Amino acid sequence: MYVLKIDGKVMGAVVLNDWQSPEWKTVNWRNRSGSNLIVHTFCIHPQAQGIGYGGKILQFAEETALKQGYTGIRLDAFSKNKHALAFYEKKGYVKVGEIIFKSKPVNNQLYFCFDKILVL
């Protein structure tokens, strides 16, 4: 887990690793020949949203992926979180599929999967 602190206050956090949810097996990922860093639990404090901290954390994730030899990044986002979906697309992530998390409450199970190829 990585945390973004500004003036001693936590403004955001992200978990980065290579664990992929079993539900992702059916997704048509674009980067199949390389290794992928997975973005989990990416969040920005509500009072700090819209001022660039999310972009800083995502850029950090991409730089970390490259430094560690990954060739792409994968993530999923809740289908009803329109701001997050637009954010990922703006940052060059491509929607590659949809999954259902049966462990989530009914009407909150649909997630969209995104990836970004960092190295060809």
N, C-alpha and C. Protein backbone atom coordinates (compact mmCIF):
# COMPACT_ATOMS: atom_id res chain seq x y z
N MET A 1 0.85 -1.17 0.00
CA MET A 1 0.00 0.00 0.00
C MET A 1 0.89 1.23 0.00
N TYR A 2 0.53 2.18 -0.83
CA TYR A 2 1.23 3.45 -0.92
C TYR A 2 0.25 4.55 -0.55
N VAL A 3 0.76 5.53 0.17
CA VAL A 3 -0.08 6.61 0.66
C VAL A 3 0.49 7.95 0.20
N LEU A 4 -0.38 8.82 -0.28
CA LEU A 4 0.01 10.18 -0.63
C LEU A 4 -0.33 11.09 0.54
N LYS A 5 0.71 11.69 1.14
CA LYS A 5 0.50 12.61 2.25
C LYS A 5 0.92 14.01 1.82
N ILE A 6 0.09 14.97 2.12
CA ILE A 6 0.38 16.38 1.87
C ILE A 6 0.25 17.11 3.20
N ASP A 7 1.32 17.80 3.61
CA ASP A 7 1.33 18.50 4.89
C ASP A 7 0.90 17.61 6.04
N GLY A 8 1.34 16.35 6.01
CA GLY A 8 1.06 15.41 7.08
C GLY A 8 -0.32 14.79 7.04
N LYS A 9 -1.12 15.12 6.03
CA LYS A 9 -2.48 14.59 5.93
C LYS A 9 -2.56 13.60 4.77
N VAL A 10 -3.23 12.48 5.00
CA VAL A 10 -3.41 11.48 3.96
C VAL A 10 -4.42 12.00 2.94
N MET A 11 -3.99 12.09 1.69
CA MET A 11 -4.85 12.59 0.62
C MET A 11 -5.31 11.47 -0.31
N GLY A 12 -4.58 10.35 -0.30
CA GLY A 12 -4.95 9.24 -1.17
C GLY A 12 -4.12 8.02 -0.86
N ALA A 13 -4.56 6.91 -1.43
CA ALA A 13 -3.84 5.65 -1.23
C ALA A 13 -4.13 4.71 -2.38
N VAL A 14 -3.23 3.76 -2.56
CA VAL A 14 -3.41 2.73 -3.59
C VAL A 14 -2.64 1.48 -3.15
N VAL A 15 -3.19 0.34 -3.50
CA VAL A 15 -2.51 -0.93 -3.30
C VAL A 15 -2.07 -1.42 -4.67
N LEU A 16 -0.80 -1.79 -4.78
CA LEU A 16 -0.23 -2.28 -6.04
C LEU A 16 0.39 -3.65 -5.79
N ASN A 17 0.01 -4.62 -6.61
CA ASN A 17 0.62 -5.94 -6.55
C ASN A 17 0.30 -6.68 -7.85
N ASP A 18 0.56 -7.96 -7.90
CA ASP A 18 0.26 -8.69 -9.14
C ASP A 18 -0.85 -9.71 -8.97
N TRP A 19 -1.61 -9.64 -7.88
CA TRP A 19 -2.73 -10.55 -7.67
C TRP A 19 -3.93 -10.11 -8.50
N GLN A 20 -4.52 -11.08 -9.21
CA GLN A 20 -5.68 -10.79 -10.05
C GLN A 20 -6.89 -11.57 -9.55
N SER A 21 -8.01 -10.91 -9.50
CA SER A 21 -9.25 -11.52 -9.06
C SER A 21 -9.63 -12.69 -9.98
N PRO A 22 -10.14 -13.79 -9.42
CA PRO A 22 -10.56 -14.92 -10.27
C PRO A 22 -11.61 -14.51 -11.31
N GLU A 23 -12.43 -13.52 -11.01
CA GLU A 23 -13.44 -13.07 -11.95
C GLU A 23 -12.83 -12.49 -13.23
N TRP A 24 -11.58 -12.10 -13.18
CA TRP A 24 -10.91 -11.50 -14.33
C TRP A 24 -10.54 -12.52 -15.42
N LYS A 25 -10.66 -13.81 -15.14
CA LYS A 25 -10.23 -14.83 -16.10
C LYS A 25 -10.93 -14.73 -17.44
N THR A 26 -12.14 -14.22 -17.47
CA THR A 26 -12.91 -14.14 -18.71
C THR A 26 -12.68 -12.85 -19.49
N VAL A 27 -11.90 -11.94 -18.93
CA VAL A 27 -11.68 -10.63 -19.56
C VAL A 27 -10.70 -10.76 -20.72
N ASN A 28 -10.97 -10.06 -21.80
CA ASN A 28 -10.11 -10.07 -22.98
C ASN A 28 -9.04 -8.98 -22.84
N TRP A 29 -8.07 -9.22 -21.97
CA TRP A 29 -6.99 -8.26 -21.73
C TRP A 29 -6.14 -8.10 -22.97
N ARG A 30 -5.64 -6.91 -23.19
CA ARG A 30 -4.81 -6.65 -24.37
C ARG A 30 -3.37 -7.09 -24.18
N ASN A 31 -2.83 -6.93 -22.99
CA ASN A 31 -1.42 -7.25 -22.73
C ASN A 31 -1.33 -8.68 -22.20
N ARG A 32 -1.20 -9.63 -23.10
CA ARG A 32 -1.18 -11.03 -22.70
C ARG A 32 0.22 -11.62 -22.63
N SER A 33 1.17 -11.00 -23.31
CA SER A 33 2.50 -11.58 -23.36
C SER A 33 3.42 -11.06 -22.26
N GLY A 34 3.04 -9.96 -21.63
CA GLY A 34 3.88 -9.39 -20.59
C GLY A 34 3.28 -9.57 -19.21
N SER A 35 3.91 -8.97 -18.23
CA SER A 35 3.41 -9.03 -16.86
C SER A 35 2.70 -7.71 -16.53
N ASN A 36 1.74 -7.79 -15.63
CA ASN A 36 0.92 -6.63 -15.32
C ASN A 36 0.90 -6.32 -13.84
N LEU A 37 1.03 -5.05 -13.52
CA LEU A 37 0.84 -4.59 -12.15
C LEU A 37 -0.65 -4.30 -11.99
N ILE A 38 -1.20 -4.70 -10.86
CA ILE A 38 -2.63 -4.55 -10.63
C ILE A 38 -2.87 -3.43 -9.63
N VAL A 39 -3.82 -2.56 -9.97
CA VAL A 39 -4.21 -1.46 -9.09
C VAL A 39 -5.43 -1.91 -8.29
N HIS A 40 -5.30 -1.87 -6.98
CA HIS A 40 -6.39 -2.20 -6.06
C HIS A 40 -6.63 -1.02 -5.12
N THR A 41 -7.81 -0.89 -4.62
CA THR A 41 -8.13 0.02 -3.53
C THR A 41 -7.54 1.40 -3.76
N PHE A 42 -7.82 1.97 -4.89
CA PHE A 42 -7.33 3.30 -5.26
C PHE A 42 -8.36 4.32 -4.77
N CYS A 43 -7.93 5.20 -3.88
CA CYS A 43 -8.89 6.17 -3.34
C CYS A 43 -8.22 7.52 -3.07
N ILE A 44 -9.03 8.55 -3.19
CA ILE A 44 -8.63 9.92 -2.88
C ILE A 44 -9.60 10.46 -1.85
N HIS A 45 -9.08 11.15 -0.84
CA HIS A 45 -9.94 11.75 0.18
C HIS A 45 -10.97 12.63 -0.50
N PRO A 46 -12.23 12.56 -0.10
CA PRO A 46 -13.28 13.35 -0.77
C PRO A 46 -12.97 14.85 -0.85
N GLN A 47 -12.34 15.41 0.16
CA GLN A 47 -12.01 16.84 0.15
C GLN A 47 -10.83 17.16 -0.76
N ALA A 48 -10.15 16.13 -1.25
CA ALA A 48 -8.97 16.34 -2.09
C ALA A 48 -9.21 15.92 -3.54
N GLN A 49 -10.44 15.58 -3.87
CA GLN A 49 -10.73 15.14 -5.23
C GLN A 49 -10.81 16.33 -6.19
N GLY A 50 -10.40 16.08 -7.42
CA GLY A 50 -10.51 17.10 -8.47
C GLY A 50 -9.36 18.08 -8.53
N ILE A 51 -8.28 17.83 -7.77
CA ILE A 51 -7.16 18.78 -7.79
C ILE A 51 -5.84 18.12 -8.22
N GLY A 52 -5.95 16.91 -8.78
CA GLY A 52 -4.77 16.29 -9.38
C GLY A 52 -4.08 15.20 -8.59
N TYR A 53 -4.53 14.92 -7.39
CA TYR A 53 -3.86 13.89 -6.60
C TYR A 53 -4.06 12.50 -7.19
N GLY A 54 -5.22 12.24 -7.75
CA GLY A 54 -5.46 10.96 -8.39
C GLY A 54 -4.50 10.72 -9.54
N GLY A 55 -4.28 11.76 -10.33
CA GLY A 55 -3.34 11.66 -11.44
C GLY A 55 -1.92 11.40 -10.96
N LYS A 56 -1.56 12.04 -9.84
CA LYS A 56 -0.23 11.82 -9.28
C LYS A 56 -0.05 10.37 -8.82
N ILE A 57 -1.07 9.83 -8.18
CA ILE A 57 -0.98 8.45 -7.70
C ILE A 57 -0.95 7.48 -8.89
N LEU A 58 -1.76 7.71 -9.89
CA LEU A 58 -1.77 6.83 -11.05
C LEU A 58 -0.44 6.90 -11.80
N GLN A 59 0.12 8.09 -11.91
CA GLN A 59 1.44 8.24 -12.54
C GLN A 59 2.49 7.49 -11.72
N PHE A 60 2.41 7.58 -10.40
CA PHE A 60 3.32 6.84 -9.54
C PHE A 60 3.19 5.33 -9.80
N ALA A 61 1.95 4.86 -9.93
CA ALA A 61 1.72 3.43 -10.19
C ALA A 61 2.38 3.01 -11.51
N GLU A 62 2.21 3.84 -12.53
CA GLU A 62 2.80 3.52 -13.84
C GLU A 62 4.33 3.53 -13.77
N GLU A 63 4.90 4.50 -13.10
CA GLU A 63 6.36 4.56 -12.95
C GLU A 63 6.87 3.38 -12.15
N THR A 64 6.14 3.01 -11.10
CA THR A 64 6.52 1.86 -10.29
C THR A 64 6.47 0.59 -11.12
N ALA A 65 5.42 0.45 -11.94
CA ALA A 65 5.30 -0.72 -12.80
C ALA A 65 6.51 -0.84 -13.73
N LEU A 66 6.86 0.25 -14.37
CA LEU A 66 8.00 0.23 -15.29
C LEU A 66 9.29 -0.11 -14.57
N LYS A 67 9.52 0.49 -13.40
CA LYS A 67 10.74 0.22 -12.63
C LYS A 67 10.84 -1.24 -12.22
N GLN A 68 9.69 -1.86 -11.98
CA GLN A 68 9.68 -3.25 -11.52
C GLN A 68 9.57 -4.24 -12.69
N GLY A 69 9.62 -3.74 -13.92
CA GLY A 69 9.64 -4.62 -15.07
C GLY A 69 8.29 -5.06 -15.61
N TYR A 70 7.22 -4.46 -15.14
CA TYR A 70 5.89 -4.79 -15.67
C TYR A 70 5.70 -4.07 -17.01
N THR A 71 4.91 -4.68 -17.87
CA THR A 71 4.67 -4.08 -19.18
C THR A 71 3.27 -3.47 -19.31
N GLY A 72 2.45 -3.64 -18.29
CA GLY A 72 1.11 -3.08 -18.33
C GLY A 72 0.51 -2.96 -16.95
N ILE A 73 -0.64 -2.29 -16.91
CA ILE A 73 -1.40 -2.13 -15.68
C ILE A 73 -2.83 -2.57 -15.95
N ARG A 74 -3.40 -3.24 -14.96
CA ARG A 74 -4.80 -3.65 -15.02
C ARG A 74 -5.52 -3.16 -13.77
N LEU A 75 -6.83 -2.92 -13.94
CA LEU A 75 -7.66 -2.52 -12.80
C LEU A 75 -9.12 -2.72 -13.15
N ASP A 76 -9.96 -2.68 -12.13
CA ASP A 76 -11.39 -2.65 -12.37
C ASP A 76 -11.98 -1.48 -11.61
N ALA A 77 -13.15 -1.05 -12.06
CA ALA A 77 -13.82 0.09 -11.45
C ALA A 77 -15.32 -0.17 -11.43
N PHE A 78 -15.96 0.28 -10.39
CA PHE A 78 -17.40 0.11 -10.24
C PHE A 78 -18.12 0.80 -11.39
N SER A 79 -19.03 0.09 -12.02
CA SER A 79 -19.69 0.59 -13.24
C SER A 79 -20.51 1.86 -13.03
N LYS A 80 -20.93 2.13 -11.81
CA LYS A 80 -21.74 3.32 -11.54
C LYS A 80 -20.90 4.52 -11.09
N ASN A 81 -19.59 4.33 -10.99
CA ASN A 81 -18.70 5.43 -10.59
C ASN A 81 -18.25 6.18 -11.84
N LYS A 82 -19.11 7.04 -12.34
CA LYS A 82 -18.87 7.73 -13.61
C LYS A 82 -17.60 8.57 -13.59
N HIS A 83 -17.29 9.18 -12.45
CA HIS A 83 -16.08 10.00 -12.36
C HIS A 83 -14.82 9.15 -12.51
N ALA A 84 -14.80 8.00 -11.85
CA ALA A 84 -13.63 7.11 -11.96
C ALA A 84 -13.49 6.58 -13.38
N LEU A 85 -14.60 6.20 -13.99
CA LEU A 85 -14.54 5.66 -15.35
C LEU A 85 -13.98 6.70 -16.32
N ALA A 86 -14.45 7.94 -16.21
CA ALA A 86 -13.96 9.01 -17.08
C ALA A 86 -12.49 9.31 -16.79
N PHE A 87 -12.11 9.26 -15.52
CA PHE A 87 -10.72 9.52 -15.12
C PHE A 87 -9.78 8.51 -15.77
N TYR A 88 -10.11 7.22 -15.68
CA TYR A 88 -9.23 6.20 -16.26
C TYR A 88 -9.12 6.36 -17.77
N GLU A 89 -10.23 6.61 -18.42
CA GLU A 89 -10.18 6.80 -19.88
C GLU A 89 -9.35 8.02 -20.25
N LYS A 90 -9.49 9.08 -19.49
CA LYS A 90 -8.69 10.30 -19.73
C LYS A 90 -7.19 10.02 -19.59
N LYS A 91 -6.85 9.09 -18.71
CA LYS A 91 -5.44 8.76 -18.46
C LYS A 91 -4.92 7.67 -19.40
N GLY A 92 -5.70 7.31 -20.41
CA GLY A 92 -5.22 6.38 -21.42
C GLY A 92 -5.54 4.92 -21.18
N TYR A 93 -6.39 4.64 -20.20
CA TYR A 93 -6.79 3.26 -19.94
C TYR A 93 -7.94 2.90 -20.86
N VAL A 94 -7.96 1.65 -21.29
CA VAL A 94 -8.96 1.17 -22.26
C VAL A 94 -9.86 0.16 -21.56
N LYS A 95 -11.16 0.37 -21.70
CA LYS A 95 -12.12 -0.60 -21.16
C LYS A 95 -12.06 -1.85 -22.02
N VAL A 96 -11.76 -2.98 -21.37
CA VAL A 96 -11.59 -4.24 -22.11
C VAL A 96 -12.62 -5.30 -21.74
N GLY A 97 -13.45 -5.00 -20.76
CA GLY A 97 -14.44 -6.01 -20.39
C GLY A 97 -15.27 -5.60 -19.19
N GLU A 98 -16.21 -6.47 -18.87
CA GLU A 98 -17.09 -6.28 -17.73
C GLU A 98 -17.12 -7.58 -16.93
N ILE A 99 -17.21 -7.44 -15.62
CA ILE A 99 -17.28 -8.62 -14.76
C ILE A 99 -18.37 -8.42 -13.71
N ILE A 100 -18.79 -9.50 -13.15
CA ILE A 100 -19.77 -9.48 -12.07
C ILE A 100 -19.08 -10.02 -10.81
N PHE A 101 -19.13 -9.23 -9.75
CA PHE A 101 -18.66 -9.69 -8.44
C PHE A 101 -19.89 -10.12 -7.65
N LYS A 102 -20.14 -11.42 -7.59
CA LYS A 102 -21.31 -11.93 -6.89
C LYS A 102 -21.26 -11.67 -5.39
N SER A 103 -20.05 -11.38 -4.88
CA SER A 103 -19.89 -11.10 -3.45
C SER A 103 -20.39 -9.70 -3.07
N LYS A 104 -20.63 -8.86 -4.06
CA LYS A 104 -21.11 -7.50 -3.82
C LYS A 104 -22.64 -7.50 -3.71
N PRO A 105 -23.21 -6.45 -3.12
CA PRO A 105 -24.67 -6.38 -3.02
C PRO A 105 -25.33 -6.33 -4.41
N VAL A 106 -26.54 -6.87 -4.50
CA VAL A 106 -27.30 -6.83 -5.74
C VAL A 106 -27.40 -5.37 -6.20
N ASN A 107 -27.33 -5.16 -7.50
CA ASN A 107 -27.34 -3.84 -8.14
C ASN A 107 -26.01 -3.09 -7.98
N ASN A 108 -25.03 -3.73 -7.37
CA ASN A 108 -23.69 -3.14 -7.24
C ASN A 108 -22.61 -4.15 -7.62
N GLN A 109 -22.94 -5.08 -8.49
CA GLN A 109 -22.04 -6.17 -8.82
C GLN A 109 -21.26 -5.97 -10.12
N LEU A 110 -21.70 -5.04 -10.96
CA LEU A 110 -21.07 -4.87 -12.27
C LEU A 110 -19.86 -3.94 -12.18
N TYR A 111 -18.71 -4.45 -12.64
CA TYR A 111 -17.48 -3.67 -12.67
C TYR A 111 -16.92 -3.71 -14.09
N PHE A 112 -16.26 -2.63 -14.47
CA PHE A 112 -15.62 -2.54 -15.77
C PHE A 112 -14.12 -2.74 -15.59
N CYS A 113 -13.52 -3.49 -16.49
CA CYS A 113 -12.08 -3.75 -16.44
C CYS A 113 -11.36 -2.87 -17.45
N PHE A 114 -10.23 -2.33 -17.02
CA PHE A 114 -9.41 -1.45 -17.84
C PHE A 114 -7.98 -1.95 -17.83
N ASP A 115 -7.28 -1.68 -18.92
CA ASP A 115 -5.83 -1.91 -18.92
C ASP A 115 -5.12 -0.80 -19.69
N LYS A 116 -3.85 -0.75 -19.44
CA LYS A 116 -2.98 0.21 -20.15
C LYS A 116 -1.68 -0.52 -20.42
N ILE A 117 -1.27 -0.54 -21.67
CA ILE A 117 0.00 -1.14 -22.03
C ILE A 117 1.07 -0.06 -21.90
N LEU A 118 2.08 -0.37 -21.10
CA LEU A 118 3.15 0.59 -20.85
C LEU A 118 4.34 0.38 -21.76
N VAL A 119 4.59 -0.88 -22.12
CA VAL A 119 5.73 -1.23 -22.97
C VAL A 119 5.25 -2.24 -24.00
N LEU A 120 5.59 -2.02 -25.26
CA LEU A 120 5.20 -2.97 -26.30
C LEU A 120 6.22 -4.07 -26.45
